[in-house]
PDB file of N, CA and C in Angstrom:
ATOM      1  N   UNK A   1     -24.821  -7.718  34.069  1.00  0.00           N
ATOM      2  CA  UNK A   1     -24.118  -6.868  33.204  1.00  0.00           C
ATOM      3  C   UNK A   1     -24.094  -5.391  33.742  1.00  0.00           C
ATOM      4  N   UNK A   2     -22.992  -4.751  33.588  1.00  0.00           N
ATOM      5  CA  UNK A   2     -22.812  -3.451  34.218  1.00  0.00           C
ATOM      6  C   UNK A   2     -23.333  -2.287  33.201  1.00  0.00           C
ATOM      7  N   UNK A   3     -24.366  -1.625  33.525  1.00  0.00           N
ATOM      8  CA  UNK A   3     -24.989  -0.671  32.634  1.00  0.00           C
ATOM      9  C   UNK A   3     -24.639   0.729  32.966  1.00  0.00           C
ATOM     10  N   UNK A   4     -23.668   1.027  33.756  1.00  0.00           N
ATOM     11  CA  UNK A   4     -23.148   2.420  34.149  1.00  0.00           C
ATOM     12  C   UNK A   4     -22.510   2.936  32.804  1.00  0.00           C
ATOM     13  N   UNK A   5     -22.716   4.272  32.585  1.00  0.00           N
ATOM     14  CA  UNK A   5     -22.142   4.863  31.396  1.00  0.00           C
ATOM     15  C   UNK A   5     -20.525   4.848  31.512  1.00  0.00           C
ATOM     16  N   UNK A   6     -19.971   4.726  30.422  1.00  0.00           N
ATOM     17  CA  UNK A   6     -18.468   4.798  30.407  1.00  0.00           C
ATOM     18  C   UNK A   6     -18.024   6.163  30.189  1.00  0.00           C
ATOM     19  N   UNK A   7     -17.085   6.602  31.018  1.00  0.00           N
ATOM     20  CA  UNK A   7     -16.542   8.041  30.805  1.00  0.00           C
ATOM     21  C   UNK A   7     -16.116   8.334  29.408  1.00  0.00           C
ATOM     22  N   UNK A   8     -16.716   9.369  28.775  1.00  0.00           N
ATOM     23  CA  UNK A   8     -16.371   9.798  27.406  1.00  0.00           C
ATOM     24  C   UNK A   8     -16.983   8.927  26.343  1.00  0.00           C
ATOM     25  N   UNK A   9     -17.957   8.148  26.621  1.00  0.00           N
ATOM     26  CA  UNK A   9     -18.653   7.313  25.660  1.00  0.00           C
ATOM     27  C   UNK A   9     -20.153   7.404  25.872  1.00  0.00           C
ATOM     28  N   UNK A  10     -20.788   7.758  24.790  1.00  0.00           N
ATOM     29  CA  UNK A  10     -22.359   7.877  24.849  1.00  0.00           C
ATOM     30  C   UNK A  10     -22.863   6.785  23.923  1.00  0.00           C
ATOM     31  N   UNK A  11     -23.740   6.014  24.346  1.00  0.00           N
ATOM     32  CA  UNK A  11     -24.377   4.908  23.708  1.00  0.00           C
ATOM     33  C   UNK A  11     -25.531   5.346  22.817  1.00  0.00           C
ATOM     34  N   UNK A  12     -25.793   6.686  22.781  1.00  0.00           N
ATOM     35  CA  UNK A  12     -26.898   7.228  22.043  1.00  0.00           C
ATOM     36  C   UNK A  12     -26.491   8.214  20.965  1.00  0.00           C
ATOM     37  N   UNK A  13     -25.206   8.683  21.012  1.00  0.00           N
ATOM     38  CA  UNK A  13     -24.766   9.665  20.094  1.00  0.00           C
ATOM     39  C   UNK A  13     -24.519   9.135  18.674  1.00  0.00           C
ATOM     40  N   UNK A  14     -25.223   9.675  17.626  1.00  0.00           N
ATOM     41  CA  UNK A  14     -25.072   9.168  16.335  1.00  0.00           C
ATOM     42  C   UNK A  14     -23.968  10.101  15.605  1.00  0.00           C
ATOM     43  N   UNK A  15     -23.380   9.471  14.516  1.00  0.00           N
ATOM     44  CA  UNK A  15     -22.353  10.250  13.872  1.00  0.00           C
ATOM     45  C   UNK A  15     -22.872  11.530  13.160  1.00  0.00           C
ATOM     46  N   UNK A  16     -22.015  12.570  13.143  1.00  0.00           N
ATOM     47  CA  UNK A  16     -22.392  13.870  12.622  1.00  0.00           C
ATOM     48  C   UNK A  16     -22.548  13.823  11.062  1.00  0.00           C
ATOM     49  N   UNK A  17     -22.110  12.768  10.541  1.00  0.00           N
ATOM     50  CA  UNK A  17     -22.140  12.596   8.977  1.00  0.00           C
ATOM     51  C   UNK A  17     -21.217  11.550   8.478  1.00  0.00           C
ATOM     52  N   UNK A  18     -20.793  11.628   7.235  1.00  0.00           N
ATOM     53  CA  UNK A  18     -19.962  10.499   6.629  1.00  0.00           C
ATOM     54  C   UNK A  18     -18.578  11.125   6.274  1.00  0.00           C
ATOM     55  N   UNK A  19     -18.397  12.340   6.628  1.00  0.00           N
ATOM     56  CA  UNK A  19     -17.104  13.013   6.411  1.00  0.00           C
ATOM     57  C   UNK A  19     -16.708  13.858   7.512  1.00  0.00           C
ATOM     58  N   UNK A  20     -15.495  14.427   7.438  1.00  0.00           N
ATOM     59  CA  UNK A  20     -15.019  15.310   8.383  1.00  0.00           C
ATOM     60  C   UNK A  20     -15.945  16.685   8.361  1.00  0.00           C
ATOM     61  N   UNK A  21     -16.520  16.892   9.560  1.00  0.00           N
ATOM     62  CA  UNK A  21     -17.410  17.993   9.681  1.00  0.00           C
ATOM     63  C   UNK A  21     -16.778  19.268   9.381  1.00  0.00           C
ATOM     64  N   UNK A  22     -15.596  19.589   9.894  1.00  0.00           N
ATOM     65  CA  UNK A  22     -14.986  20.957   9.646  1.00  0.00           C
ATOM     66  C   UNK A  22     -14.400  20.918   8.205  1.00  0.00           C
ATOM     67  N   UNK A  23     -13.792  19.855   7.690  1.00  0.00           N
ATOM     68  CA  UNK A  23     -13.357  19.960   6.338  1.00  0.00           C
ATOM     69  C   UNK A  23     -14.489  20.206   5.284  1.00  0.00           C
ATOM     70  N   UNK A  24     -15.554  19.582   5.577  1.00  0.00           N
ATOM     71  CA  UNK A  24     -16.647  19.815   4.611  1.00  0.00           C
ATOM     72  C   UNK A  24     -17.261  21.174   4.741  1.00  0.00           C
ATOM     73  N   UNK A  25     -17.069  21.777   5.909  1.00  0.00           N
ATOM     74  CA  UNK A  25     -17.576  23.156   6.002  1.00  0.00           C
ATOM     75  C   UNK A  25     -16.644  24.224   5.615  1.00  0.00           C
ATOM     76  N   UNK A  26     -15.463  23.832   5.103  1.00  0.00           N
ATOM     77  CA  UNK A  26     -14.472  24.812   4.558  1.00  0.00           C
ATOM     78  C   UNK A  26     -13.363  25.165   5.446  1.00  0.00           C
ATOM     79  N   UNK A  27     -13.124  24.439   6.643  1.00  0.00           N
ATOM     80  CA  UNK A  27     -12.089  24.705   7.535  1.00  0.00           C
ATOM     81  C   UNK A  27     -10.807  23.923   7.018  1.00  0.00           C
ATOM     82  N   UNK A  28      -9.746  24.657   6.590  1.00  0.00           N
ATOM     83  CA  UNK A  28      -8.630  23.999   6.205  1.00  0.00           C
ATOM     84  C   UNK A  28      -8.617  23.640   4.705  1.00  0.00           C
ATOM     85  N   UNK A  29      -7.788  22.729   4.228  1.00  0.00           N
ATOM     86  CA  UNK A  29      -7.779  22.543   2.892  1.00  0.00           C
ATOM     87  C   UNK A  29      -8.989  21.680   2.325  1.00  0.00           C
ATOM     88  N   UNK A  30      -9.879  21.046   3.254  1.00  0.00           N
ATOM     89  CA  UNK A  30     -11.030  20.406   2.834  1.00  0.00           C
ATOM     90  C   UNK A  30     -10.999  19.021   2.498  1.00  0.00           C
ATOM     91  N   UNK A  31      -9.983  18.348   2.912  1.00  0.00           N
ATOM     92  CA  UNK A  31      -9.819  16.844   2.541  1.00  0.00           C
ATOM     93  C   UNK A  31      -9.135  16.120   3.817  1.00  0.00           C
ATOM     94  N   UNK A  32      -9.359  14.864   3.866  1.00  0.00           N
ATOM     95  CA  UNK A  32      -8.898  13.978   4.917  1.00  0.00           C
ATOM     96  C   UNK A  32      -8.332  12.694   4.331  1.00  0.00           C
ATOM     97  N   UNK A  33      -7.425  12.081   5.257  1.00  0.00           N
ATOM     98  CA  UNK A  33      -7.010  10.778   5.050  1.00  0.00           C
ATOM     99  C   UNK A  33      -7.896   9.708   5.564  1.00  0.00           C
ATOM    100  N   UNK A  34      -8.197   9.638   6.884  1.00  0.00           N
ATOM    101  CA  UNK A  34      -9.017   8.771   7.529  1.00  0.00           C
ATOM    102  C   UNK A  34      -9.939   9.491   8.451  1.00  0.00           C
ATOM    103  N   UNK A  35     -11.050   8.854   8.945  1.00  0.00           N
ATOM    104  CA  UNK A  35     -11.932   9.623   9.759  1.00  0.00           C
ATOM    105  C   UNK A  35     -11.945   9.002  11.126  1.00  0.00           C
ATOM    106  N   UNK A  36     -12.275   9.815  12.021  1.00  0.00           N
ATOM    107  CA  UNK A  36     -12.390   9.412  13.496  1.00  0.00           C
ATOM    108  C   UNK A  36     -13.729   9.977  14.118  1.00  0.00           C
ATOM    109  N   UNK A  37     -14.311   9.252  14.924  1.00  0.00           N
ATOM    110  CA  UNK A  37     -15.631   9.554  15.644  1.00  0.00           C
ATOM    111  C   UNK A  37     -15.385   9.811  17.017  1.00  0.00           C
ATOM    112  N   UNK A  38     -16.011  10.854  17.510  1.00  0.00           N
ATOM    113  CA  UNK A  38     -15.946  11.206  18.994  1.00  0.00           C
ATOM    114  C   UNK A  38     -16.981  10.148  19.611  1.00  0.00           C
ATOM    115  N   UNK A  39     -16.526   9.461  20.538  1.00  0.00           N
ATOM    116  CA  UNK A  39     -17.462   8.449  21.231  1.00  0.00           C
ATOM    117  C   UNK A  39     -18.399   9.052  22.139  1.00  0.00           C
ATOM    118  N   UNK A  40     -18.243  10.474  22.415  1.00  0.00           N
ATOM    119  CA  UNK A  40     -19.105  10.990  23.375  1.00  0.00           C
ATOM    120  C   UNK A  40     -20.280  11.807  22.662  1.00  0.00           C
ATOM    121  N   UNK A  41     -19.946  12.424  21.553  1.00  0.00           N
ATOM    122  CA  UNK A  41     -20.998  13.296  20.897  1.00  0.00           C
ATOM    123  C   UNK A  41     -21.167  12.819  19.480  1.00  0.00           C
ATOM    124  N   UNK A  42     -20.355  12.035  18.788  1.00  0.00           N
ATOM    125  CA  UNK A  42     -20.581  11.596  17.474  1.00  0.00           C
ATOM    126  C   UNK A  42     -20.001  12.441  16.355  1.00  0.00           C
ATOM    127  N   UNK A  43     -19.202  13.449  16.855  1.00  0.00           N
ATOM    128  CA  UNK A  43     -18.505  14.298  15.865  1.00  0.00           C
ATOM    129  C   UNK A  43     -17.570  13.563  14.892  1.00  0.00           C
ATOM    130  N   UNK A  44     -17.643  13.734  13.600  1.00  0.00           N
ATOM    131  CA  UNK A  44     -16.677  13.059  12.751  1.00  0.00           C
ATOM    132  C   UNK A  44     -15.743  14.067  12.355  1.00  0.00           C
ATOM    133  N   UNK A  45     -14.424  13.698  12.665  1.00  0.00           N
ATOM    134  CA  UNK A  45     -13.331  14.513  12.255  1.00  0.00           C
ATOM    135  C   UNK A  45     -12.208  13.751  11.551  1.00  0.00           C
ATOM    136  N   UNK A  46     -11.288  14.560  11.041  1.00  0.00           N
ATOM    137  CA  UNK A  46     -10.083  13.826  10.227  1.00  0.00           C
ATOM    138  C   UNK A  46      -9.152  13.434  11.177  1.00  0.00           C
ATOM    139  N   UNK A  47      -8.334  12.424  10.767  1.00  0.00           N
ATOM    140  CA  UNK A  47      -7.282  11.709  11.621  1.00  0.00           C
ATOM    141  C   UNK A  47      -6.092  12.656  11.747  1.00  0.00           C
ATOM    142  N   UNK A  48      -5.188  12.285  12.556  1.00  0.00           N
ATOM    143  CA  UNK A  48      -3.872  13.074  12.814  1.00  0.00           C
ATOM    144  C   UNK A  48      -2.968  13.022  11.709  1.00  0.00           C
ATOM    145  N   UNK A  49      -3.166  12.065  10.616  1.00  0.00           N
ATOM    146  CA  UNK A  49      -2.336  12.078   9.447  1.00  0.00           C
ATOM    147  C   UNK A  49      -2.850  13.177   8.468  1.00  0.00           C
ATOM    148  N   UNK A  50      -4.067  13.459   8.601  1.00  0.00           N
ATOM    149  CA  UNK A  50      -4.751  14.439   7.712  1.00  0.00           C
ATOM    150  C   UNK A  50      -4.178  15.912   8.000  1.00  0.00           C
ATOM    151  N   UNK A  51      -4.257  16.760   6.971  1.00  0.00           N
ATOM    152  CA  UNK A  51      -3.579  18.089   7.163  1.00  0.00           C
ATOM    153  C   UNK A  51      -4.232  18.974   8.373  1.00  0.00           C
ATOM    154  N   UNK A  52      -5.447  18.737   8.592  1.00  0.00           N
ATOM    155  CA  UNK A  52      -6.055  19.612   9.639  1.00  0.00           C
ATOM    156  C   UNK A  52      -6.331  18.982  10.933  1.00  0.00           C
ATOM    157  N   UNK A  53      -6.196  17.632  11.065  1.00  0.00           N
ATOM    158  CA  UNK A  53      -6.258  16.935  12.314  1.00  0.00           C
ATOM    159  C   UNK A  53      -7.466  17.393  13.204  1.00  0.00           C
ATOM    160  N   UNK A  54      -8.660  17.478  12.617  1.00  0.00           N
ATOM    161  CA  UNK A  54      -9.854  17.941  13.270  1.00  0.00           C
ATOM    162  C   UNK A  54     -10.410  17.081  14.452  1.00  0.00           C
ATOM    163  N   UNK A  55     -10.201  15.684  14.324  1.00  0.00           N
ATOM    164  CA  UNK A  55     -10.753  14.912  15.413  1.00  0.00           C
ATOM    165  C   UNK A  55      -9.973  15.091  16.735  1.00  0.00           C
ATOM    166  N   UNK A  56      -8.653  15.253  16.598  1.00  0.00           N
ATOM    167  CA  UNK A  56      -7.862  15.562  17.862  1.00  0.00           C
ATOM    168  C   UNK A  56      -8.251  16.993  18.380  1.00  0.00           C
ATOM    169  N   UNK A  57      -8.346  17.891  17.485  1.00  0.00           N
ATOM    170  CA  UNK A  57      -8.670  19.344  17.887  1.00  0.00           C
ATOM    171  C   UNK A  57     -10.111  19.313  18.643  1.00  0.00           C
ATOM    172  N   UNK A  58     -11.040  18.572  18.016  1.00  0.00           N
ATOM    173  CA  UNK A  58     -12.372  18.461  18.781  1.00  0.00           C
ATOM    174  C   UNK A  58     -12.224  17.860  20.082  1.00  0.00           C
ATOM    175  N   UNK A  59     -11.403  16.831  20.250  1.00  0.00           N
ATOM    176  CA  UNK A  59     -11.258  16.137  21.601  1.00  0.00           C
ATOM    177  C   UNK A  59     -10.686  17.126  22.611  1.00  0.00           C
ATOM    178  N   UNK A  60      -9.700  17.904  22.163  1.00  0.00           N
ATOM    179  CA  UNK A  60      -9.180  18.948  23.070  1.00  0.00           C
ATOM    180  C   UNK A  60     -10.175  20.049  23.379  1.00  0.00           C
ATOM    181  N   UNK A  61     -10.717  20.623  22.467  1.00  0.00           N
ATOM    182  CA  UNK A  61     -11.594  21.873  22.619  1.00  0.00           C
ATOM    183  C   UNK A  61     -12.910  21.442  23.359  1.00  0.00           C
ATOM    184  N   UNK A  62     -13.444  20.248  23.014  1.00  0.00           N
ATOM    185  CA  UNK A  62     -14.750  19.901  23.579  1.00  0.00           C
ATOM    186  C   UNK A  62     -14.516  19.119  24.901  1.00  0.00           C
ATOM    187  N   UNK A  63     -13.252  18.676  25.199  1.00  0.00           N
ATOM    188  CA  UNK A  63     -13.055  17.885  26.389  1.00  0.00           C
ATOM    189  C   UNK A  63     -13.635  16.528  26.305  1.00  0.00           C
ATOM    190  N   UNK A  64     -13.754  16.033  25.155  1.00  0.00           N
ATOM    191  CA  UNK A  64     -14.328  14.627  24.797  1.00  0.00           C
ATOM    192  C   UNK A  64     -13.061  13.740  24.516  1.00  0.00           C
ATOM    193  N   UNK A  65     -12.601  12.905  25.523  1.00  0.00           N
ATOM    194  CA  UNK A  65     -11.324  12.240  25.436  1.00  0.00           C
ATOM    195  C   UNK A  65     -11.240  11.016  24.614  1.00  0.00           C
ATOM    196  N   UNK A  66     -12.421  10.445  24.266  1.00  0.00           N
ATOM    197  CA  UNK A  66     -12.429   9.109  23.596  1.00  0.00           C
ATOM    198  C   UNK A  66     -12.777   9.222  22.122  1.00  0.00           C
ATOM    199  N   UNK A  67     -12.050   8.764  21.315  1.00  0.00           N
ATOM    200  CA  UNK A  67     -12.367   8.687  19.877  1.00  0.00           C
ATOM    201  C   UNK A  67     -12.217   7.207  19.408  1.00  0.00           C
ATOM    202  N   UNK A  68     -12.868   6.968  18.320  1.00  0.00           N
ATOM    203  CA  UNK A  68     -12.909   5.651  17.717  1.00  0.00           C
ATOM    204  C   UNK A  68     -12.754   5.766  16.240  1.00  0.00           C
ATOM    205  N   UNK A  69     -12.263   4.772  15.549  1.00  0.00           N
ATOM    206  CA  UNK A  69     -12.199   4.742  14.163  1.00  0.00           C
ATOM    207  C   UNK A  69     -13.592   4.815  13.423  1.00  0.00           C
ATOM    208  N   UNK A  70     -13.537   5.555  12.346  1.00  0.00           N
ATOM    209  CA  UNK A  70     -14.788   5.657  11.510  1.00  0.00           C
ATOM    210  C   UNK A  70     -14.479   5.061  10.123  1.00  0.00           C
ATOM    211  N   UNK A  71     -13.518   4.174  10.133  1.00  0.00           N
ATOM    212  CA  UNK A  71     -13.120   3.524   8.933  1.00  0.00           C
ATOM    213  C   UNK A  71     -13.729   2.101   8.889  1.00  0.00           C
ATOM    214  N   UNK A  72     -14.138   1.575   7.643  1.00  0.00           N
ATOM    215  CA  UNK A  72     -14.695   0.215   7.467  1.00  0.00           C
ATOM    216  C   UNK A  72     -13.726  -0.797   7.992  1.00  0.00           C
ATOM    217  N   UNK A  73     -14.180  -1.838   8.870  1.00  0.00           N
ATOM    218  CA  UNK A  73     -13.534  -2.896   9.386  1.00  0.00           C
ATOM    219  C   UNK A  73     -12.615  -2.625  10.623  1.00  0.00           C
ATOM    220  N   UNK A  74     -12.622  -1.345  11.092  1.00  0.00           N
ATOM    221  CA  UNK A  74     -11.814  -1.031  12.265  1.00  0.00           C
ATOM    222  C   UNK A  74     -12.729  -0.672  13.458  1.00  0.00           C
ATOM    223  N   UNK A  75     -12.556  -1.336  14.497  1.00  0.00           N
ATOM    224  CA  UNK A  75     -13.393  -1.160  15.806  1.00  0.00           C
ATOM    225  C   UNK A  75     -12.612  -0.772  17.024  1.00  0.00           C
ATOM    226  N   UNK A  76     -11.454  -0.069  16.944  1.00  0.00           N
ATOM    227  CA  UNK A  76     -10.719   0.365  18.076  1.00  0.00           C
ATOM    228  C   UNK A  76     -11.237   1.625  18.652  1.00  0.00           C
ATOM    229  N   UNK A  77     -10.924   1.806  19.873  1.00  0.00           N
ATOM    230  CA  UNK A  77     -11.124   3.077  20.649  1.00  0.00           C
ATOM    231  C   UNK A  77      -9.864   3.551  21.221  1.00  0.00           C
ATOM    232  N   UNK A  78      -9.653   4.876  21.401  1.00  0.00           N
ATOM    233  CA  UNK A  78      -8.470   5.545  21.903  1.00  0.00           C
ATOM    234  C   UNK A  78      -8.749   6.600  22.836  1.00  0.00           C
ATOM    235  N   UNK A  79      -8.176   6.553  23.913  1.00  0.00           N
ATOM    236  CA  UNK A  79      -8.338   7.458  25.083  1.00  0.00           C
ATOM    237  C   UNK A  79      -7.211   8.571  24.893  1.00  0.00           C
ATOM    238  N   UNK A  80      -7.588   9.810  24.480  1.00  0.00           N
ATOM    239  CA  UNK A  80      -6.477  10.785  24.108  1.00  0.00           C
ATOM    240  C   UNK A  80      -5.689  11.224  25.308  1.00  0.00           C
ATOM    241  N   UNK A  81      -6.216  11.188  26.565  1.00  0.00           N
ATOM    242  CA  UNK A  81      -5.578  11.742  27.634  1.00  0.00           C
ATOM    243  C   UNK A  81      -4.435  10.605  28.180  1.00  0.00           C
ATOM    244  N   UNK A  82      -4.838   9.404  28.036  1.00  0.00           N
ATOM    245  CA  UNK A  82      -3.918   8.297  28.504  1.00  0.00           C
ATOM    246  C   UNK A  82      -3.082   7.697  27.415  1.00  0.00           C
ATOM    247  N   UNK A  83      -3.545   8.068  26.170  1.00  0.00           N
ATOM    248  CA  UNK A  83      -2.939   7.558  24.884  1.00  0.00           C
ATOM    249  C   UNK A  83      -2.943   6.048  24.847  1.00  0.00           C
ATOM    250  N   UNK A  84      -4.090   5.497  25.208  1.00  0.00           N
ATOM    251  CA  UNK A  84      -4.317   4.022  25.301  1.00  0.00           C
ATOM    252  C   UNK A  84      -5.347   3.640  24.327  1.00  0.00           C
ATOM    253  N   UNK A  85      -5.104   2.530  23.457  1.00  0.00           N
ATOM    254  CA  UNK A  85      -6.118   1.956  22.742  1.00  0.00           C
ATOM    255  C   UNK A  85      -6.917   0.917  23.523  1.00  0.00           C
ATOM    256  N   UNK A  86      -8.198   0.775  23.316  1.00  0.00           N
ATOM    257  CA  UNK A  86      -8.986  -0.330  23.976  1.00  0.00           C
ATOM    258  C   UNK A  86     -10.108  -0.762  23.173  1.00  0.00           C
ATOM    259  N   UNK A  87     -10.817  -1.834  23.597  1.00  0.00           N
ATOM    260  CA  UNK A  87     -12.031  -2.217  22.867  1.00  0.00           C
ATOM    261  C   UNK A  87     -13.242  -1.592  23.571  1.00  0.00           C
ATOM    262  N   UNK A  88     -14.130  -1.137  22.973  1.00  0.00           N
ATOM    263  CA  UNK A  88     -15.290  -0.380  23.496  1.00  0.00           C
ATOM    264  C   UNK A  88     -16.543  -0.994  22.970  1.00  0.00           C
ATOM    265  N   UNK A  89     -17.631  -0.354  23.546  1.00  0.00           N
ATOM    266  CA  UNK A  89     -19.012  -0.902  23.107  1.00  0.00           C
ATOM    267  C   UNK A  89     -19.457  -0.534  21.631  1.00  0.00           C
ATOM    268  N   UNK A  90     -20.401  -1.268  21.189  1.00  0.00           N
ATOM    269  CA  UNK A  90     -20.905  -0.855  19.884  1.00  0.00           C
ATOM    270  C   UNK A  90     -21.678   0.445  19.941  1.00  0.00           C
ATOM    271  N   UNK A  91     -21.374   1.455  19.117  1.00  0.00           N
ATOM    272  CA  UNK A  91     -22.070   2.675  19.110  1.00  0.00           C
ATOM    273  C   UNK A  91     -23.099   2.659  18.089  1.00  0.00           C
ATOM    274  N   UNK A  92     -24.011   3.665  18.062  1.00  0.00           N
ATOM    275  CA  UNK A  92     -25.139   3.653  17.139  1.00  0.00           C
ATOM    276  C   UNK A  92     -24.560   3.707  15.664  1.00  0.00           C
ATOM    277  N   UNK A  93     -25.258   3.111  14.783  1.00  0.00           N
ATOM    278  CA  UNK A  93     -24.905   2.990  13.382  1.00  0.00           C
ATOM    279  C   UNK A  93     -25.084   4.523  12.732  1.00  0.00           C
ATOM    280  N   UNK A  94     -24.360   4.663  11.644  1.00  0.00           N
ATOM    281  CA  UNK A  94     -23.434   3.834  11.008  1.00  0.00           C
ATOM    282  C   UNK A  94     -22.199   3.626  11.758  1.00  0.00           C
ATOM    283  N   UNK A  95     -21.439   2.473  11.611  1.00  0.00           N
ATOM    284  CA  UNK A  95     -20.218   2.217  12.222  1.00  0.00           C
ATOM    285  C   UNK A  95     -18.974   2.827  11.502  1.00  0.00           C
ATOM    286  N   UNK A  96     -19.100   3.204  10.240  1.00  0.00           N
ATOM    287  CA  UNK A  96     -18.031   3.717   9.450  1.00  0.00           C
ATOM    288  C   UNK A  96     -18.471   4.580   8.251  1.00  0.00           C
ATOM    289  N   UNK A  97     -17.590   5.174   7.701  1.00  0.00           N
ATOM    290  CA  UNK A  97     -17.861   5.952   6.363  1.00  0.00           C
ATOM    291  C   UNK A  97     -18.423   4.862   5.424  1.00  0.00           C
ATOM    292  N   UNK A  98     -18.923   5.351   4.282  1.00  0.00           N
ATOM    293  CA  UNK A  98     -19.372   4.386   3.357  1.00  0.00           C
ATOM    294  C   UNK A  98     -18.180   3.682   2.735  1.00  0.00           C
ATOM    295  N   UNK A  99     -18.186   2.439   2.597  1.00  0.00           N
ATOM    296  CA  UNK A  99     -17.048   1.748   2.032  1.00  0.00           C
ATOM    297  C   UNK A  99     -16.546   2.169   0.643  1.00  0.00           C
ATOM    298  N   UNK A 100     -17.470   2.679  -0.103  1.00  0.00           N
ATOM    299  CA  UNK A 100     -17.077   3.090  -1.510  1.00  0.00           C
ATOM    300  C   UNK A 100     -16.493   4.532  -1.488  1.00  0.00           C
ATOM    301  N   UNK A 101     -16.521   5.249  -0.235  1.00  0.00           N
ATOM    302  CA  UNK A 101     -16.011   6.572  -0.208  1.00  0.00           C
ATOM    303  C   UNK A 101     -14.407   6.421  -0.400  1.00  0.00           C
ATOM    304  N   UNK A 102     -13.748   7.163  -1.290  1.00  0.00           N
ATOM    305  CA  UNK A 102     -12.364   7.085  -1.486  1.00  0.00           C
ATOM    306  C   UNK A 102     -11.543   7.431  -0.297  1.00  0.00           C
ATOM    307  N   UNK A 103     -10.276   7.100  -0.334  1.00  0.00           N
ATOM    308  CA  UNK A 103      -9.404   7.449   0.652  1.00  0.00           C
ATOM    309  C   UNK A 103      -8.129   7.805  -0.097  1.00  0.00           C
ATOM    310  N   UNK A 104      -7.674   9.085   0.062  1.00  0.00           N
ATOM    311  CA  UNK A 104      -8.231  10.138   0.860  1.00  0.00           C
ATOM    312  C   UNK A 104      -9.459  10.693   0.122  1.00  0.00           C
ATOM    313  N   UNK A 105     -10.238  11.556   0.846  1.00  0.00           N
ATOM    314  CA  UNK A 105     -11.414  12.059   0.332  1.00  0.00           C
ATOM    315  C   UNK A 105     -11.692  13.523   0.784  1.00  0.00           C
ATOM    316  N   UNK A 106     -12.639  14.247   0.246  1.00  0.00           N
ATOM    317  CA  UNK A 106     -13.448  13.941  -1.042  1.00  0.00           C
ATOM    318  C   UNK A 106     -12.517  14.125  -2.127  1.00  0.00           C
ATOM    319  N   UNK A 107     -12.739  13.254  -3.129  1.00  0.00           N
ATOM    320  CA  UNK A 107     -11.878  13.021  -4.356  1.00  0.00           C
ATOM    321  C   UNK A 107     -11.668  14.427  -5.093  1.00  0.00           C
ATOM    322  N   UNK A 108     -12.643  15.218  -5.075  1.00  0.00           N
ATOM    323  CA  UNK A 108     -12.560  16.590  -5.895  1.00  0.00           C
ATOM    324  C   UNK A 108     -11.768  17.552  -5.046  1.00  0.00           C
ATOM    325  N   UNK A 109     -11.423  17.288  -3.761  1.00  0.00           N
ATOM    326  CA  UNK A 109     -10.548  18.222  -2.963  1.00  0.00           C
ATOM    327  C   UNK A 109      -9.075  17.741  -2.802  1.00  0.00           C
ATOM    328  N   UNK A 110      -8.854  16.544  -3.086  1.00  0.00           N
ATOM    329  CA  UNK A 110      -7.450  16.023  -2.769  1.00  0.00           C
ATOM    330  C   UNK A 110      -6.571  16.417  -3.864  1.00  0.00           C
ATOM    331  N   UNK A 111      -5.399  17.111  -3.356  1.00  0.00           N
ATOM    332  CA  UNK A 111      -4.489  17.386  -4.463  1.00  0.00           C
ATOM    333  C   UNK A 111      -3.693  16.219  -4.983  1.00  0.00           C
ATOM    334  N   UNK A 112      -3.150  16.372  -6.129  1.00  0.00           N
ATOM    335  CA  UNK A 112      -2.364  15.290  -6.802  1.00  0.00           C
ATOM    336  C   UNK A 112      -1.268  14.849  -5.876  1.00  0.00           C
ATOM    337  N   UNK A 113      -0.604  15.873  -5.171  1.00  0.00           N
ATOM    338  CA  UNK A 113       0.591  15.640  -4.313  1.00  0.00           C
ATOM    339  C   UNK A 113       0.180  15.431  -2.853  1.00  0.00           C
ATOM    340  N   UNK A 114      -0.968  14.861  -2.603  1.00  0.00           N
ATOM    341  CA  UNK A 114      -1.499  14.785  -1.294  1.00  0.00           C
ATOM    342  C   UNK A 114      -0.643  14.127  -0.262  1.00  0.00           C
ATOM    343  N   UNK A 115       0.245  13.139  -0.733  1.00  0.00           N
ATOM    344  CA  UNK A 115       1.123  12.487   0.190  1.00  0.00           C
ATOM    345  C   UNK A 115       2.232  13.466   0.824  1.00  0.00           C
ATOM    346  N   UNK A 116       2.466  14.579   0.036  1.00  0.00           N
ATOM    347  CA  UNK A 116       3.367  15.573   0.633  1.00  0.00           C
ATOM    348  C   UNK A 116       2.767  16.349   1.712  1.00  0.00           C
ATOM    349  N   UNK A 117       1.425  16.374   1.846  1.00  0.00           N
ATOM    350  CA  UNK A 117       0.728  17.193   2.840  1.00  0.00           C
ATOM    351  C   UNK A 117       0.197  16.421   4.190  1.00  0.00           C
ATOM    352  N   UNK A 118       0.602  15.219   4.240  1.00  0.00           N
ATOM    353  CA  UNK A 118       0.076  14.392   5.435  1.00  0.00           C
ATOM    354  C   UNK A 118       1.074  14.514   6.497  1.00  0.00           C
ATOM    355  N   UNK A 119       0.650  14.275   7.738  1.00  0.00           N
ATOM    356  CA  UNK A 119       1.491  14.191   8.953  1.00  0.00           C
ATOM    357  C   UNK A 119       1.882  12.768   9.169  1.00  0.00           C
ATOM    358  N   UNK A 120       3.077  12.527   9.415  1.00  0.00           N
ATOM    359  CA  UNK A 120       3.539  11.090   9.620  1.00  0.00           C
ATOM    360  C   UNK A 120       3.949  10.975  11.071  1.00  0.00           C
TER     361      UNK A 120
END
């Protein structure tokens, strides 16, 4: 088995939490549609459909090109510079947000017209 580190992926970085780090700290409207995890440092950010798109912003600013889904039942990885999806290794737990966490979330921050605010 090849034990060399994969570029942009750390097998020891744990998730930064169970919600978008920036949304929860007050950056932007404070809610998200889906969550993405940085495969290099564990940063949890909101997806590109979300109003603030924090996961992609983190990838660009930190130079961490690989993200993975942080949604229950999803196990894909995405390389932001090549724009390619791929299967990657198992990262440290947890593998996703809590299954009971609503989508979008957090419920008390999501506006009634949330679908008018997402990127398609």
